[in-house]
Amino acid sequence: MARALGFDFGTTNTVLAMADGRATQSVAFSSATGTADSMRTALSFMKDPGLGAAALKVEAGHAAIRQFIDNPGDCRFLQSIKTFAASALFQGTLIFAKRHSFEDLMEIFVRRLRAYAGEGWPGDVSRIVTGRPVHFAGANPDPALATERYNAALARFGFPEIHYVYEPVAAAFYFAQNLKKDATVLVADFGGGTTDYSLIRFETIAGKLTATPIGHSGVGIAGDHFDFRMIDNIVSPAIGKGSFFKSFDKLLEMPSSYYANFGRWNQLSIFKTSREYADLKTLVRSSLEPEKLETFIDLVEHDEGYPLYQAVSATKMALSAEEEAEFSFPPLGKAGRRHVRRADFETWIAEDLARIEGALDDVLTTTNTSPDAIDKVFLTGGTSFVPAVRRIFTERFGQERIETGGELLSIAHGLALIGEREDIGQWTA
C-alpha cells in the first residue's frame, strides 16, 4: 500500500495529512507563533544582516503575518498564492530585486511547512495527492497551466508520484467513510476564493467503497468576497467612499478604485507606496468631508489592514450564531463601533449568494439530477457556517439530509485516504 501525503493547498489555509488505513492524522506545524494543524497560505520576506548580504529571512503562515506587521516597511508579504496558479498574466513577482515564479513561491512555502513540521514531516512518502478546485479563481483561469506549475514546484521535492483530486471529491471521500448505505452525495466546498460542487454516487461492492462521478461545477466566489462586502458597506463610507471633492468649478465623486484596495488587507501596504495613494492625499484639501479621507490615510499609514480584517472576520463569525453582532474597530473612530444586523449582511452578499446558487443549479441541470435524487449533502469549509449559505441547501434538500464536520480538515484527510488506494486513478482529476 502506498504511503500518501494529502496536500490541501488552500487560498486561505493549507493542511497536510497522512493516512494509516482508515485513520488519518494532520501534520502539525510549530513556528514562533505557536503550533497548529493548519497554516495560513502566506509568505513574508525580509533582509536579515545576520544571514548574509544576499539572504532573506522567510516565514510562512501566521509567522509571516507577524513578521509583516512588525516590519511593514522592510518586509515583502504575499498571501492567497493559489489565486495566481491558473493565471497566464502572472509571470512572476520581484522580491528584493529577484524574480520569483509561481513555482518558486509554492516551493518556498512547502519548504517552510517542512521546516515547521520538523521531525513530524513524513520521510517515506511514495505519492503526494494534491487538491485542486473545480474552477480556479481569477479571470480566464487556465487549469492546465495551474497543473503544470504545481507539477514543476512539487517535483523539486522528489515525490515519486504526484496526483490531483478535485477538492470536493476529497471532502466527499472523507465523509463517505461514515456512510451506512449506498448514497448519491452532493459536496459543497466553500474555500477562501472558490465555491466548488461535486455530485458523486458511492456504493459498496464486495466490501469495497466505489465512487461514480456524476458532475462538477464551481464559481470564483467564497468567504473572501463576503469579507470585502462587509468592509465596503461599513468601513469604506466612513473613510470617504461616496463623498465628493471640488475640481475647479465641478463636484466629483471620490474614485472607487481607492477603496478596492481593501479587497485584500495586505494590498494596503502596496497602495501606501503608489502614485494613487499620493493622489489621494492631495484630495484632502479639496474634499467636502476631509476628516473621512484623513481617517483613510491614518489607516494606511499605521498599517491597520490586518487588524481590520480580524475585526471583520469576528463580526462575520458572530453573525453566524446571532441575528445581530457588534463590529468593533477603534482606529475608525466613532464609525468603528456599530451593530450589524444579519439581515443587512445578507443583503450585502445577495449577489454573491446568487452566483453560488447558480453554480449549484448548473451541476443539477447538467447532470439532470433532481434534489429528491440526492441522499446526502455535505457542506465543508468555513463559509458553510454562514446561515444564508446554509439556507440555500436546507431549502432545496431539507435539514435532515445536510451533513457537516471537519470543515477545515476534511479535504486534506480525504486526499490522504484516496492516496492509499490501489484504484487511485478512479479518483483523480
Protein backbone atom coordinates (compact mmCIF):
# COMPACT_ATOMS: atom_id res chain seq x y z
CA MET A 1 0.00 0.00 0.00
CA ALA A 2 1.31 3.46 -0.94
CA ARG A 3 2.21 5.87 1.82
CA ALA A 4 0.45 9.05 0.72
CA LEU A 5 0.56 12.66 1.79
CA GLY A 6 -2.66 14.63 1.34
CA PHE A 7 -1.92 18.25 0.42
CA ASP A 8 -4.79 20.73 0.69
CA PHE A 9 -3.15 23.86 -0.72
CA GLY A 10 -5.87 26.40 0.01
CA THR A 11 -6.38 30.04 -0.84
CA THR A 12 -6.60 30.95 2.85
CA ASN A 13 -5.25 27.93 4.75
CA THR A 14 -3.15 24.88 3.92
CA VAL A 15 -3.45 21.47 5.61
CA LEU A 16 -1.37 18.30 5.18
CA ALA A 17 -2.46 14.86 6.34
CA MET A 18 -1.13 11.30 6.39
CA ALA A 19 -3.28 8.16 6.34
CA ASP A 20 -2.78 4.81 8.01
CA GLY A 21 -5.51 2.56 6.76
CA ARG A 22 -8.80 4.22 7.72
CA ALA A 23 -7.14 6.51 10.26
CA THR A 24 -5.72 9.90 9.31
CA GLN A 25 -3.56 12.41 11.09
CA SER A 26 -2.81 16.06 10.33
CA VAL A 27 0.79 17.20 10.10
CA ALA A 28 1.44 19.73 12.89
CA PHE A 29 3.43 22.91 12.31
CA SER A 30 5.37 24.75 15.00
CA SER A 31 6.62 28.28 14.40
CA ALA A 32 7.30 31.36 16.51
CA THR A 33 3.54 31.95 16.73
CA GLY A 34 2.68 28.50 18.13
CA THR A 35 1.66 25.03 16.96
CA ALA A 36 -1.30 24.29 14.68
CA ASP A 37 -2.57 21.66 12.25
CA SER A 38 -3.17 24.23 9.52
CA MET A 39 -1.07 27.02 8.08
CA ARG A 40 -2.17 30.32 6.56
CA THR A 41 -1.20 30.33 2.90
CA ALA A 42 1.09 33.33 3.20
CA LEU A 43 4.79 34.19 2.85
CA SER A 44 6.95 37.07 4.06
CA PHE A 45 10.48 38.01 3.04
CA MET A 46 12.82 40.35 4.89
CA LYS A 47 16.50 41.17 4.66
CA ASP A 48 18.46 39.93 7.66
CA PRO A 49 22.10 41.08 8.03
CA GLY A 50 22.76 38.10 10.27
CA LEU A 51 22.09 35.75 7.36
CA GLY A 52 24.40 37.48 4.90
CA ALA A 53 24.03 40.23 2.33
CA ALA A 54 22.04 38.17 -0.18
CA ALA A 55 20.00 36.07 2.26
CA LEU A 56 16.40 36.68 3.29
CA LYS A 57 14.51 35.70 6.39
CA VAL A 58 11.47 33.83 5.10
CA GLU A 59 8.40 32.97 7.14
CA ALA A 60 5.07 31.35 6.30
CA GLY A 61 1.60 31.33 7.84
CA HIS A 62 0.93 33.37 10.96
CA ALA A 63 4.68 33.84 11.44
CA ALA A 64 4.72 35.59 8.06
CA ILE A 65 1.84 37.82 9.12
CA ARG A 66 3.63 38.67 12.36
CA GLN A 67 6.89 39.47 10.53
CA PHE A 68 4.98 41.76 8.15
CA ILE A 69 3.10 43.57 10.92
CA ASP A 70 6.27 44.09 12.95
CA ASN A 71 8.29 45.28 9.94
CA PRO A 72 5.79 46.75 7.44
CA GLY A 73 8.27 48.94 5.60
CA ASP A 74 11.04 46.35 5.39
CA CYS A 75 9.05 43.21 4.67
CA ARG A 76 7.54 41.85 1.43
CA PHE A 77 4.33 39.96 2.14
CA LEU A 78 2.34 37.63 -0.14
CA GLN A 79 -0.90 35.81 0.60
CA SER A 80 -3.50 33.81 -1.34
CA ILE A 81 -0.69 32.50 -3.54
CA LYS A 82 -3.04 29.93 -5.04
CA THR A 83 -5.03 32.63 -6.87
CA PHE A 84 -2.04 33.15 -9.22
CA ALA A 85 -1.72 29.49 -10.21
CA ALA A 86 -4.07 29.47 -13.21
CA SER A 87 -3.31 32.99 -14.43
CA ALA A 88 -1.24 33.30 -17.59
CA LEU A 89 -0.87 37.00 -16.77
CA PHE A 90 1.13 36.17 -13.66
CA GLN A 91 4.68 35.59 -14.85
CA GLY A 92 6.37 36.20 -11.53
CA THR A 93 6.96 38.87 -8.93
CA LEU A 94 10.06 40.74 -7.79
CA ILE A 95 11.15 40.16 -4.20
CA PHE A 96 14.12 42.33 -3.28
CA ALA A 97 15.16 42.59 -6.94
CA LYS A 98 14.94 38.85 -7.61
CA ARG A 99 12.11 37.50 -9.76
CA HIS A 100 10.12 34.60 -8.31
CA SER A 101 7.78 32.49 -10.45
CA PHE A 102 4.66 30.83 -9.07
CA GLU A 103 6.62 27.58 -8.87
CA ASP A 104 9.31 29.30 -6.78
CA LEU A 105 6.72 30.68 -4.35
CA MET A 106 4.97 27.33 -3.97
CA GLU A 107 8.30 25.58 -3.39
CA ILE A 108 9.35 28.14 -0.76
CA PHE A 109 6.02 27.78 1.01
CA VAL A 110 6.24 23.97 1.14
CA ARG A 111 9.85 24.14 2.36
CA ARG A 112 8.72 26.38 5.22
CA LEU A 113 5.98 23.86 6.04
CA ARG A 114 8.59 21.10 6.12
CA ALA A 115 10.79 23.17 8.42
CA TYR A 116 7.89 23.95 10.77
CA ALA A 117 6.85 20.27 10.82
CA GLY A 118 10.35 19.22 11.93
CA GLU A 119 10.51 15.54 12.81
CA GLY A 120 6.79 15.28 12.14
CA TRP A 121 7.36 15.66 8.40
CA PRO A 122 6.82 12.22 6.78
CA GLY A 123 10.04 10.98 5.27
CA ASP A 124 8.86 7.92 3.35
CA VAL A 125 6.10 9.35 1.15
CA SER A 126 5.58 7.44 -2.08
CA ARG A 127 2.92 9.75 -3.51
CA ILE A 128 1.51 13.18 -2.85
CA VAL A 129 -2.16 13.77 -3.57
CA THR A 130 -2.93 17.43 -4.08
CA GLY A 131 -6.35 19.02 -4.07
CA ARG A 132 -7.45 21.35 -6.84
CA PRO A 133 -10.64 23.38 -7.25
CA VAL A 134 -13.18 22.53 -9.92
CA HIS A 135 -12.76 26.07 -11.21
CA PHE A 136 -9.69 28.10 -10.29
CA ALA A 137 -10.15 31.68 -9.13
CA GLY A 138 -9.40 34.66 -11.34
CA ALA A 139 -10.34 35.92 -14.78
CA ASN A 140 -9.93 33.37 -17.59
CA PRO A 141 -8.19 30.75 -15.42
CA ASP A 142 -6.16 28.07 -17.22
CA PRO A 143 -6.36 24.80 -15.21
CA ALA A 144 -3.74 23.10 -17.41
CA LEU A 145 -1.29 25.90 -16.61
CA ALA A 146 -2.06 25.56 -12.90
CA THR A 147 -1.36 21.81 -13.04
CA GLU A 148 1.87 22.42 -14.94
CA ARG A 149 3.00 24.89 -12.29
CA TYR A 150 2.01 22.59 -9.41
CA ASN A 151 3.94 19.73 -11.04
CA ALA A 152 7.05 21.85 -11.51
CA ALA A 153 7.03 23.01 -7.88
CA LEU A 154 6.26 19.64 -6.27
CA ALA A 155 8.75 17.77 -8.49
CA ARG A 156 11.52 19.69 -6.72
CA PHE A 157 10.81 17.61 -3.62
CA GLY A 158 11.35 14.29 -5.34
CA PHE A 159 7.92 12.75 -4.73
CA PRO A 160 7.75 9.54 -6.79
CA GLU A 161 4.11 10.17 -7.75
CA ILE A 162 2.04 13.37 -7.93
CA HIS A 163 -1.74 13.10 -8.23
CA TYR A 164 -4.58 15.63 -8.31
CA VAL A 165 -8.09 15.23 -6.95
CA TYR A 166 -10.93 17.73 -7.02
CA GLU A 167 -11.21 19.26 -3.57
CA PRO A 168 -14.93 18.49 -3.15
CA VAL A 169 -14.26 14.88 -4.24
CA ALA A 170 -11.69 14.55 -1.44
CA ALA A 171 -14.15 16.03 1.05
CA ALA A 172 -16.81 13.61 -0.21
CA PHE A 173 -14.49 10.63 0.24
CA TYR A 174 -13.72 11.71 3.81
CA PHE A 175 -17.43 11.99 4.52
CA ALA A 176 -18.27 8.71 2.75
CA GLN A 177 -16.24 6.70 5.28
CA ASN A 178 -19.22 7.05 7.62
CA LEU A 179 -21.97 6.17 5.13
CA LYS A 180 -24.13 3.26 6.27
CA LYS A 181 -25.54 2.51 2.84
CA ASP A 182 -25.12 3.38 -0.82
CA ALA A 183 -25.83 7.05 -1.48
CA THR A 184 -25.75 9.84 -4.02
CA VAL A 185 -23.82 12.65 -2.33
CA LEU A 186 -23.54 16.32 -3.16
CA VAL A 187 -20.49 18.04 -1.69
CA ALA A 188 -20.29 21.82 -1.46
CA ASP A 189 -16.79 23.05 -0.64
CA PHE A 190 -16.51 26.70 0.38
CA GLY A 191 -12.94 27.96 0.35
CA GLY A 192 -11.49 31.43 0.63
CA GLY A 193 -11.60 32.12 -3.11
CA THR A 194 -13.87 29.49 -4.72
CA THR A 195 -17.06 27.51 -4.17
CA ASP A 196 -16.96 24.02 -5.68
CA TYR A 197 -19.58 21.30 -6.08
CA SER A 198 -19.20 17.59 -6.78
CA LEU A 199 -22.01 15.11 -7.24
CA ILE A 200 -20.89 11.52 -6.62
CA ARG A 201 -22.56 8.11 -6.32
CA PHE A 202 -20.96 6.00 -3.57
CA GLU A 203 -21.56 2.24 -3.49
CA THR A 204 -20.01 -0.65 -1.59
CA ILE A 205 -19.29 -3.58 -3.89
CA ALA A 206 -17.74 -6.74 -2.45
CA GLY A 207 -16.90 -4.82 0.68
CA LYS A 208 -15.03 -2.09 -1.19
CA LEU A 209 -16.11 1.54 -1.46
CA THR A 210 -16.51 2.66 -5.06
CA ALA A 211 -17.45 6.02 -6.49
CA THR A 212 -19.02 7.13 -9.75
CA PRO A 213 -18.57 10.84 -10.51
CA ILE A 214 -21.79 12.36 -11.80
CA GLY A 215 -20.84 16.00 -12.24
CA HIS A 216 -18.91 19.05 -11.05
CA SER A 217 -19.36 22.80 -11.05
CA GLY A 218 -17.90 25.82 -9.33
CA VAL A 219 -17.61 29.59 -9.15
CA GLY A 220 -14.87 32.01 -8.05
CA ILE A 221 -16.90 33.35 -5.12
CA ALA A 222 -16.43 32.46 -1.44
CA GLY A 223 -15.57 33.81 2.00
CA ASP A 224 -13.08 36.48 0.92
CA HIS A 225 -15.82 38.18 -1.09
CA PHE A 226 -18.12 38.23 1.94
CA ASP A 227 -15.40 39.95 3.99
CA PHE A 228 -14.98 42.64 1.36
CA ARG A 229 -18.73 43.25 1.16
CA MET A 230 -18.76 43.98 4.87
CA ILE A 231 -15.82 46.37 4.57
CA ASP A 232 -17.35 48.06 1.56
CA ASN A 233 -20.60 48.74 3.41
CA ILE A 234 -19.29 49.54 6.91
CA VAL A 235 -15.78 50.89 6.55
CA SER A 236 -15.48 52.46 3.09
CA PRO A 237 -18.30 55.04 3.58
CA ALA A 238 -16.63 56.15 6.83
CA ILE A 239 -13.35 56.87 5.02
CA GLY A 240 -14.77 58.75 2.09
CA LYS A 241 -16.37 56.38 -0.40
CA GLY A 242 -19.34 58.15 -1.96
CA SER A 243 -18.10 61.57 -0.85
CA PHE A 244 -17.18 64.43 -3.17
CA PHE A 245 -14.30 66.79 -3.84
CA LYS A 246 -14.00 70.04 -5.76
CA SER A 247 -12.12 70.18 -9.05
CA PHE A 248 -12.17 73.76 -10.31
CA ASP A 249 -15.90 74.50 -10.59
CA LYS A 250 -17.06 70.87 -10.58
CA LEU A 251 -18.01 68.40 -7.84
CA LEU A 252 -16.59 64.92 -8.47
CA GLU A 253 -17.14 61.70 -6.58
CA MET A 254 -14.15 60.12 -4.88
CA PRO A 255 -12.70 57.40 -7.19
CA SER A 256 -13.94 53.97 -6.13
CA SER A 257 -10.59 52.44 -7.14
CA TYR A 258 -9.07 53.75 -3.89
CA TYR A 259 -11.44 51.55 -1.89
CA ALA A 260 -10.88 48.43 -3.99
CA ASN A 261 -7.53 48.17 -2.19
CA PHE A 262 -9.42 46.85 0.82
CA GLY A 263 -10.22 43.67 -1.14
CA ARG A 264 -7.02 42.19 0.35
CA TRP A 265 -5.72 43.59 3.60
CA ASN A 266 -2.10 43.31 2.53
CA GLN A 267 -2.82 45.38 -0.58
CA LEU A 268 -2.83 48.46 1.63
CA SER A 269 0.94 48.18 2.13
CA ILE A 270 1.41 48.22 -1.65
CA PHE A 271 -1.11 51.04 -2.05
CA LYS A 272 0.89 53.01 0.53
CA THR A 273 3.81 53.37 -1.89
CA SER A 274 1.74 54.01 -5.02
CA ARG A 275 1.12 57.14 -7.08
CA GLU A 276 -2.59 56.60 -6.48
CA TYR A 277 -2.07 57.00 -2.72
CA ALA A 278 -0.10 60.19 -3.27
CA ASP A 279 -3.03 61.48 -5.36
CA LEU A 280 -5.47 60.56 -2.58
CA LYS A 281 -3.54 62.64 -0.06
CA THR A 282 -3.73 65.71 -2.29
CA LEU A 283 -7.54 65.44 -2.36
CA VAL A 284 -7.86 66.13 1.37
CA ARG A 285 -7.69 69.90 0.76
CA SER A 286 -10.46 69.84 -1.84
CA SER A 287 -12.68 67.21 -0.18
CA LEU A 288 -16.09 68.21 1.16
CA GLU A 289 -15.52 65.73 4.02
CA PRO A 290 -11.76 65.91 4.63
CA GLU A 291 -11.97 64.19 8.02
CA LYS A 292 -13.02 60.96 6.27
CA LEU A 293 -10.01 60.98 3.95
CA GLU A 294 -7.75 61.79 6.90
CA THR A 295 -9.06 58.64 8.62
CA PHE A 296 -8.37 56.66 5.42
CA ILE A 297 -4.78 57.97 5.39
CA ASP A 298 -4.32 57.14 9.08
CA LEU A 299 -5.41 53.52 8.45
CA VAL A 300 -2.86 53.18 5.65
CA GLU A 301 -0.04 54.97 7.46
CA HIS A 302 -0.46 52.85 10.60
CA ASP A 303 -0.80 49.55 8.69
CA GLU A 304 -4.24 48.75 10.08
CA GLY A 305 -5.18 46.33 7.28
CA TYR A 306 -4.74 43.09 9.22
CA PRO A 307 -6.46 44.27 12.44
CA LEU A 308 -9.34 45.48 10.27
CA TYR A 309 -9.79 42.07 8.67
CA GLN A 310 -9.63 40.42 12.08
CA ALA A 311 -12.47 42.67 13.23
CA VAL A 312 -14.49 41.88 10.11
CA SER A 313 -13.95 38.12 10.49
CA ALA A 314 -15.02 38.27 14.14
CA THR A 315 -18.22 40.08 13.19
CA LYS A 316 -18.98 37.67 10.36
CA MET A 317 -18.44 34.70 12.68
CA ALA A 318 -20.68 36.21 15.35
CA LEU A 319 -23.44 36.74 12.77
CA SER A 320 -23.40 33.01 12.08
CA ALA A 321 -24.77 32.48 15.59
CA GLU A 322 -26.69 35.70 16.31
CA GLU A 323 -29.15 37.93 14.46
CA GLU A 324 -27.06 40.97 15.39
CA ALA A 325 -23.37 41.44 16.23
CA GLU A 326 -21.08 44.29 17.15
CA PHE A 327 -18.40 45.47 14.76
CA SER A 328 -15.57 46.99 16.78
CA PHE A 329 -12.57 48.66 15.19
CA PRO A 330 -11.34 51.61 17.31
CA PRO A 331 -8.92 53.08 14.68
CA LEU A 332 -12.01 54.07 12.67
CA GLY A 333 -13.19 56.42 15.41
CA LYS A 334 -16.93 56.73 16.08
CA ALA A 335 -17.75 54.76 12.93
CA GLY A 336 -15.65 51.87 14.24
CA ARG A 337 -18.29 50.74 16.69
CA ARG A 338 -21.70 49.75 15.39
CA HIS A 339 -24.21 46.96 15.47
CA VAL A 340 -24.56 44.91 12.31
CA ARG A 341 -27.75 43.02 11.59
CA ARG A 342 -27.58 39.65 9.89
CA ALA A 343 -30.36 40.79 7.55
CA ASP A 344 -28.21 43.70 6.34
CA PHE A 345 -25.18 41.44 5.85
CA GLU A 346 -27.29 39.07 3.77
CA THR A 347 -28.42 42.00 1.61
CA TRP A 348 -24.78 42.98 1.02
CA ILE A 349 -23.82 39.47 -0.12
CA ALA A 350 -27.03 38.80 -2.10
CA GLU A 351 -25.25 38.99 -5.47
CA ASP A 352 -22.57 36.55 -4.29
CA LEU A 353 -25.21 34.18 -2.91
CA ALA A 354 -26.99 34.24 -6.26
CA ARG A 355 -23.81 33.18 -8.08
CA ILE A 356 -23.17 30.43 -5.52
CA GLU A 357 -26.71 29.15 -6.01
CA GLY A 358 -26.33 29.49 -9.77
CA ALA A 359 -23.35 27.11 -9.69
CA LEU A 360 -25.50 24.67 -7.71
CA ASP A 361 -28.19 24.93 -10.39
CA ASP A 362 -25.53 24.20 -13.01
CA VAL A 363 -24.45 20.87 -11.53
CA LEU A 364 -28.04 19.73 -11.03
CA THR A 365 -29.14 20.83 -14.51
CA THR A 366 -26.17 19.49 -16.47
CA THR A 367 -26.46 16.09 -14.77
CA ASN A 368 -30.27 16.06 -14.98
CA THR A 369 -30.45 15.40 -11.22
CA SER A 370 -33.44 16.43 -9.15
CA PRO A 371 -32.98 17.47 -5.50
CA ASP A 372 -35.04 14.41 -4.47
CA ALA A 373 -32.42 12.09 -6.01
CA ILE A 374 -29.69 13.31 -3.64
CA ASP A 375 -29.37 11.30 -0.44
CA LYS A 376 -26.84 13.41 1.45
CA VAL A 377 -25.43 16.93 1.19
CA PHE A 378 -22.03 17.51 2.78
CA LEU A 379 -21.05 21.13 3.47
CA THR A 380 -17.41 21.87 4.14
CA GLY A 381 -15.25 24.99 4.52
CA GLY A 382 -15.57 27.94 6.86
CA THR A 383 -18.15 29.82 4.76
CA SER A 384 -20.56 26.90 5.19
CA PHE A 385 -21.29 28.32 8.65
CA VAL A 386 -22.88 31.46 7.18
CA PRO A 387 -26.66 31.00 7.71
CA ALA A 388 -27.60 32.46 4.33
CA VAL A 389 -25.31 29.95 2.62
CA ARG A 390 -26.66 27.05 4.63
CA ARG A 391 -30.23 28.14 3.89
CA ILE A 392 -29.64 27.59 0.16
CA PHE A 393 -29.23 23.89 0.90
CA THR A 394 -31.82 23.38 3.64
CA GLU A 395 -34.49 24.92 1.40
CA ARG A 396 -33.51 22.67 -1.52
CA PHE A 397 -32.80 19.42 0.27
CA GLY A 398 -34.18 19.64 3.81
CA GLN A 399 -32.23 19.83 7.06
CA GLU A 400 -32.32 16.07 7.54
CA ARG A 401 -30.06 15.47 4.52
CA ILE A 402 -27.44 18.08 5.46
CA GLU A 403 -24.19 16.80 7.00
CA THR A 404 -21.21 18.75 8.33
CA GLY A 405 -17.99 18.09 10.20
CA GLY A 406 -14.26 18.51 9.70
CA GLU A 407 -14.92 21.75 7.85
CA LEU A 408 -11.27 22.77 7.76
CA LEU A 409 -9.57 19.36 7.66
CA SER A 410 -11.81 17.12 5.53
CA ILE A 411 -10.14 17.81 2.18
CA ALA A 412 -6.57 17.01 3.30
CA HIS A 413 -7.70 13.88 5.14
CA GLY A 414 -9.79 12.75 2.17
CA LEU A 415 -6.80 13.26 -0.12
CA ALA A 416 -4.62 11.13 2.15
CA LEU A 417 -7.19 8.33 2.24
CA ILE A 418 -7.59 8.37 -1.55
CA GLY A 419 -3.79 8.29 -1.88
CA GLU A 420 -3.60 4.89 -0.19
CA ARG A 421 -6.00 3.23 -2.61
CA GLU A 422 -4.86 0.97 -5.42
CA ASP A 423 -7.57 2.41 -7.66
CA ILE A 424 -6.38 5.98 -7.20
CA GLY A 425 -6.79 6.60 -10.94
CA GLN A 426 -10.56 6.37 -10.47
CA TRP A 427 -10.50 9.38 -8.17
CA THR A 428 -8.00 11.71 -9.83
CA ALA A 429 -8.91 14.82 -11.81
